[in-house]
Structures are given as C-alpha cells and as structure tokens.
N, C-alpha and C. Protein backbone atom coordinates (compact mmCIF):
# COMPACT_ATOMS: atom_id res chain seq x y z
N MET A 1 0.89 -1.20 0.04
CA MET A 1 -0.01 0.17 -0.05
C MET A 1 0.89 1.30 -0.05
N ALA A 2 0.55 2.04 -0.92
CA ALA A 2 1.46 3.33 -1.11
C ALA A 2 1.01 4.40 -0.06
N ILE A 3 1.83 5.16 0.44
CA ILE A 3 1.48 6.36 1.39
C ILE A 3 1.51 7.64 0.50
N VAL A 4 0.54 8.33 0.56
CA VAL A 4 0.48 9.70 -0.13
C VAL A 4 0.52 10.82 0.75
N THR A 5 1.43 11.71 0.51
CA THR A 5 1.48 12.85 1.32
C THR A 5 1.22 14.11 0.57
N ARG A 6 0.54 14.87 0.89
CA ARG A 6 0.23 16.18 0.27
C ARG A 6 1.26 17.24 0.54
N VAL A 7 1.67 17.96 -0.29
CA VAL A 7 2.58 18.91 -0.21
C VAL A 7 1.78 20.25 -0.39
N LYS A 8 1.84 21.11 0.51
CA LYS A 8 0.99 22.45 0.57
C LYS A 8 1.74 23.26 -0.58
N PRO A 9 0.85 23.79 -1.46
CA PRO A 9 1.52 24.42 -2.57
C PRO A 9 2.13 25.90 -2.02
N GLU A 10 3.13 26.37 -2.58
CA GLU A 10 3.86 27.42 -2.11
C GLU A 10 2.98 28.75 -2.36
N THR A 11 2.99 29.63 -1.44
CA THR A 11 2.13 30.87 -1.68
C THR A 11 2.96 31.87 -2.43
N MET A 12 2.43 32.88 -2.87
CA MET A 12 3.04 33.94 -3.55
C MET A 12 4.13 34.49 -2.72
N GLY A 13 3.80 34.75 -1.39
CA GLY A 13 4.80 35.47 -0.50
C GLY A 13 5.92 34.48 -0.38
N GLU A 14 5.89 33.15 -0.18
CA GLU A 14 6.99 32.21 0.00
C GLU A 14 7.85 32.33 -1.34
N SER A 15 7.18 32.29 -2.42
CA SER A 15 8.03 32.50 -3.72
C SER A 15 8.75 33.76 -3.70
N ALA A 16 8.06 35.02 -3.28
CA ALA A 16 8.85 36.15 -3.31
C ALA A 16 9.95 36.17 -2.34
N ARG A 17 9.82 35.42 -1.15
CA ARG A 17 10.97 35.40 -0.17
C ARG A 17 12.13 34.67 -0.81
N LYS A 18 11.80 33.47 -1.58
CA LYS A 18 12.94 32.77 -2.15
C LYS A 18 13.79 33.75 -3.18
N VAL A 19 12.95 34.27 -3.95
CA VAL A 19 13.53 35.29 -5.00
C VAL A 19 14.38 36.35 -4.27
N ARG A 20 13.82 36.95 -3.26
CA ARG A 20 14.54 38.17 -2.45
C ARG A 20 15.92 37.56 -1.93
N LEU A 21 15.78 36.32 -1.28
CA LEU A 21 16.99 35.60 -0.76
C LEU A 21 18.08 35.36 -1.88
N ALA A 22 17.62 34.99 -3.14
CA ALA A 22 18.45 34.72 -4.12
C ALA A 22 19.23 35.99 -4.65
N LEU A 23 18.50 36.94 -4.46
CA LEU A 23 18.96 38.25 -4.99
C LEU A 23 19.94 38.83 -3.86
N HIS A 24 20.01 38.11 -2.75
CA HIS A 24 20.86 38.63 -1.67
C HIS A 24 20.38 39.81 -1.21
N LEU A 25 19.06 40.14 -0.91
CA LEU A 25 18.43 41.37 -0.31
C LEU A 25 17.73 41.09 1.10
N THR A 26 17.93 41.84 1.95
CA THR A 26 17.23 41.81 3.18
C THR A 26 15.88 42.29 3.15
N GLN A 27 15.09 41.98 4.12
CA GLN A 27 13.62 42.52 4.22
C GLN A 27 13.81 44.08 4.12
N GLN A 28 14.61 44.55 4.91
CA GLN A 28 14.99 46.07 4.98
C GLN A 28 15.33 46.53 3.70
N GLU A 29 16.13 46.03 2.96
CA GLU A 29 16.56 46.51 1.67
C GLU A 29 15.48 46.47 0.74
N LEU A 30 14.62 45.56 0.74
CA LEU A 30 13.60 45.46 -0.23
C LEU A 30 12.56 46.52 0.17
N ALA A 31 12.33 46.65 1.36
CA ALA A 31 11.36 47.56 1.83
C ALA A 31 11.80 49.12 1.42
N ALA A 32 13.04 49.30 1.72
CA ALA A 32 13.54 50.52 1.23
C ALA A 32 13.47 50.81 -0.24
N LEU A 33 13.63 49.71 -1.03
CA LEU A 33 13.62 49.87 -2.44
C LEU A 33 12.09 50.17 -2.99
N THR A 34 11.12 49.54 -2.20
CA THR A 34 9.83 49.68 -2.63
C THR A 34 9.04 50.74 -2.06
N GLY A 35 9.65 51.32 -0.95
CA GLY A 35 8.78 52.35 -0.19
C GLY A 35 7.69 51.98 0.70
N ILE A 36 7.83 50.74 1.08
CA ILE A 36 7.11 50.28 2.24
C ILE A 36 7.89 49.84 3.51
N SER A 37 6.92 49.49 4.47
CA SER A 37 7.74 49.03 5.61
C SER A 37 8.36 47.48 5.55
N ARG A 38 9.27 47.31 6.46
CA ARG A 38 9.83 46.03 6.51
C ARG A 38 8.89 45.11 7.06
N GLU A 39 8.02 45.62 7.98
CA GLU A 39 6.84 44.80 8.51
C GLU A 39 5.96 44.28 7.40
N ALA A 40 5.69 45.20 6.49
CA ALA A 40 4.94 44.67 5.50
C ALA A 40 5.39 43.67 4.47
N VAL A 41 6.86 43.87 4.30
CA VAL A 41 7.50 42.70 3.47
C VAL A 41 7.34 41.36 4.27
N TYR A 42 7.54 41.43 5.48
CA TYR A 42 7.40 40.21 6.47
C TYR A 42 6.27 39.68 6.50
N GLN A 43 4.96 40.46 6.54
CA GLN A 43 3.73 40.02 6.40
C GLN A 43 3.40 39.27 5.01
N PHE A 44 3.84 39.98 4.09
CA PHE A 44 3.52 39.32 2.89
C PHE A 44 4.29 37.90 2.62
N GLU A 45 5.40 37.84 2.95
CA GLU A 45 6.53 36.58 2.97
C GLU A 45 5.77 35.52 3.87
N HIS A 46 5.05 35.96 4.85
CA HIS A 46 4.38 34.88 5.75
C HIS A 46 2.99 34.80 5.69
N ASN A 47 2.54 35.22 4.43
CA ASN A 47 1.08 34.99 4.19
C ASN A 47 0.12 35.62 5.20
N LEU A 48 0.52 36.75 5.61
CA LEU A 48 -0.47 37.64 6.55
C LEU A 48 -1.03 38.50 5.60
N PRO A 49 -2.00 39.14 6.18
CA PRO A 49 -2.85 40.30 5.56
C PRO A 49 -1.90 41.45 5.32
N VAL A 50 -1.87 41.99 4.07
CA VAL A 50 -1.01 43.16 3.88
C VAL A 50 -1.97 43.79 2.60
N VAL A 51 -1.70 45.15 2.56
CA VAL A 51 -2.42 45.93 1.53
C VAL A 51 -2.05 45.39 0.12
N LEU A 52 -2.96 45.49 -0.90
CA LEU A 52 -2.61 45.07 -2.21
C LEU A 52 -1.39 45.98 -2.72
N ASP A 53 -1.52 47.29 -2.55
CA ASP A 53 -0.34 48.03 -3.12
C ASP A 53 1.05 47.69 -2.67
N ALA A 54 1.14 47.09 -1.36
CA ALA A 54 2.47 46.73 -0.91
C ALA A 54 2.71 45.47 -1.57
N ARG A 55 1.88 44.40 -1.89
CA ARG A 55 2.24 43.17 -2.58
C ARG A 55 2.58 43.48 -3.89
N ARG A 56 1.76 44.38 -4.57
CA ARG A 56 2.28 44.94 -5.93
C ARG A 56 3.45 45.34 -5.98
N ARG A 57 3.96 46.29 -5.15
CA ARG A 57 5.25 46.81 -5.19
C ARG A 57 6.40 45.92 -4.96
N ILE A 58 6.13 44.97 -3.98
CA ILE A 58 7.14 43.84 -3.66
C ILE A 58 7.28 43.05 -4.94
N LEU A 59 6.26 42.47 -5.66
CA LEU A 59 6.40 41.72 -6.80
C LEU A 59 6.88 42.53 -8.03
N LYS A 60 6.76 43.64 -8.22
CA LYS A 60 7.15 44.46 -9.21
C LYS A 60 8.66 44.74 -9.09
N LYS A 61 9.06 45.10 -8.05
CA LYS A 61 10.51 45.32 -7.79
C LYS A 61 11.27 44.23 -7.97
N LEU A 62 10.91 43.04 -7.31
CA LEU A 62 11.59 41.66 -7.47
C LEU A 62 11.80 41.28 -8.91
N TRP A 63 10.53 41.34 -9.64
CA TRP A 63 10.68 40.94 -10.99
C TRP A 63 11.77 42.00 -11.79
N ALA A 64 11.61 43.14 -11.47
CA ALA A 64 12.50 44.00 -12.17
C ALA A 64 14.10 43.75 -11.89
N ILE A 65 14.23 43.48 -10.67
CA ILE A 65 15.66 43.14 -10.27
C ILE A 65 16.19 41.84 -10.82
N LYS A 66 15.14 40.90 -10.65
CA LYS A 66 15.54 39.55 -11.22
C LYS A 66 15.71 39.55 -12.80
N THR A 67 15.10 40.33 -13.43
CA THR A 67 15.07 40.48 -14.94
C THR A 67 16.29 41.34 -15.32
N ALA A 68 16.71 42.30 -14.78
CA ALA A 68 17.90 43.03 -14.86
C ALA A 68 19.05 42.20 -14.66
N SER A 69 19.11 41.39 -13.55
CA SER A 69 20.28 40.62 -13.21
C SER A 69 20.43 39.55 -14.25
N HIS A 70 19.18 38.94 -14.76
CA HIS A 70 19.33 37.93 -15.94
C HIS A 70 19.93 38.55 -17.14
N ARG A 71 19.52 39.71 -17.44
CA ARG A 71 19.99 40.49 -18.72
C ARG A 71 21.56 40.61 -18.57
N ASP A 72 22.07 41.14 -17.23
CA ASP A 72 23.50 41.24 -17.14
C ASP A 72 24.36 40.07 -17.38
N LEU A 73 23.84 38.87 -16.85
CA LEU A 73 24.28 37.62 -17.11
C LEU A 73 24.62 37.37 -18.62
N LEU A 74 23.46 37.82 -19.35
CA LEU A 74 23.49 37.40 -20.82
C LEU A 74 24.43 38.15 -21.62
N SER A 75 24.74 39.39 -21.09
CA SER A 75 25.55 40.35 -21.85
C SER A 75 26.97 40.25 -21.64
C-alpha cells in the first residue's frame, strides 16, 4: 500500500521570499527599494494580511531586479 503525502502549494509570499534571498536582499533593503515598511514585507512573505499596493510593489521590484540581473548575465 502506497502512502500519499500532500505538499502544500507555495504561496506567492513564499515564492517572493525565495527570490529576495536569491538576490541577496534583506527585508529592510527590499522595503527601502519599494517604499514600504519592513513589516509589510514580512507579512507578505508569511502569508499574513497586507495591503494590495504593498504586494504589488514587492512583486514588481523583485521582477525588475531579477530580470535586470538575468540580462546582465547574458551580456
């Protein structure tokens, strides 16, 4: 008999945290780059309630940095 284990799908905040860490950014640095509080970054990464604009700013900035870093590697 096979045992089936369910894996919780990763939340958007958890994915953003992985990208932030891969880019060697602290929560404080990301907060400064986006103009939001470090607490808002923490809340988003831990799937806690945070205003939509803060989530949008975090994702937009991480995408921009990741894309720019990738372009630099290719040139």
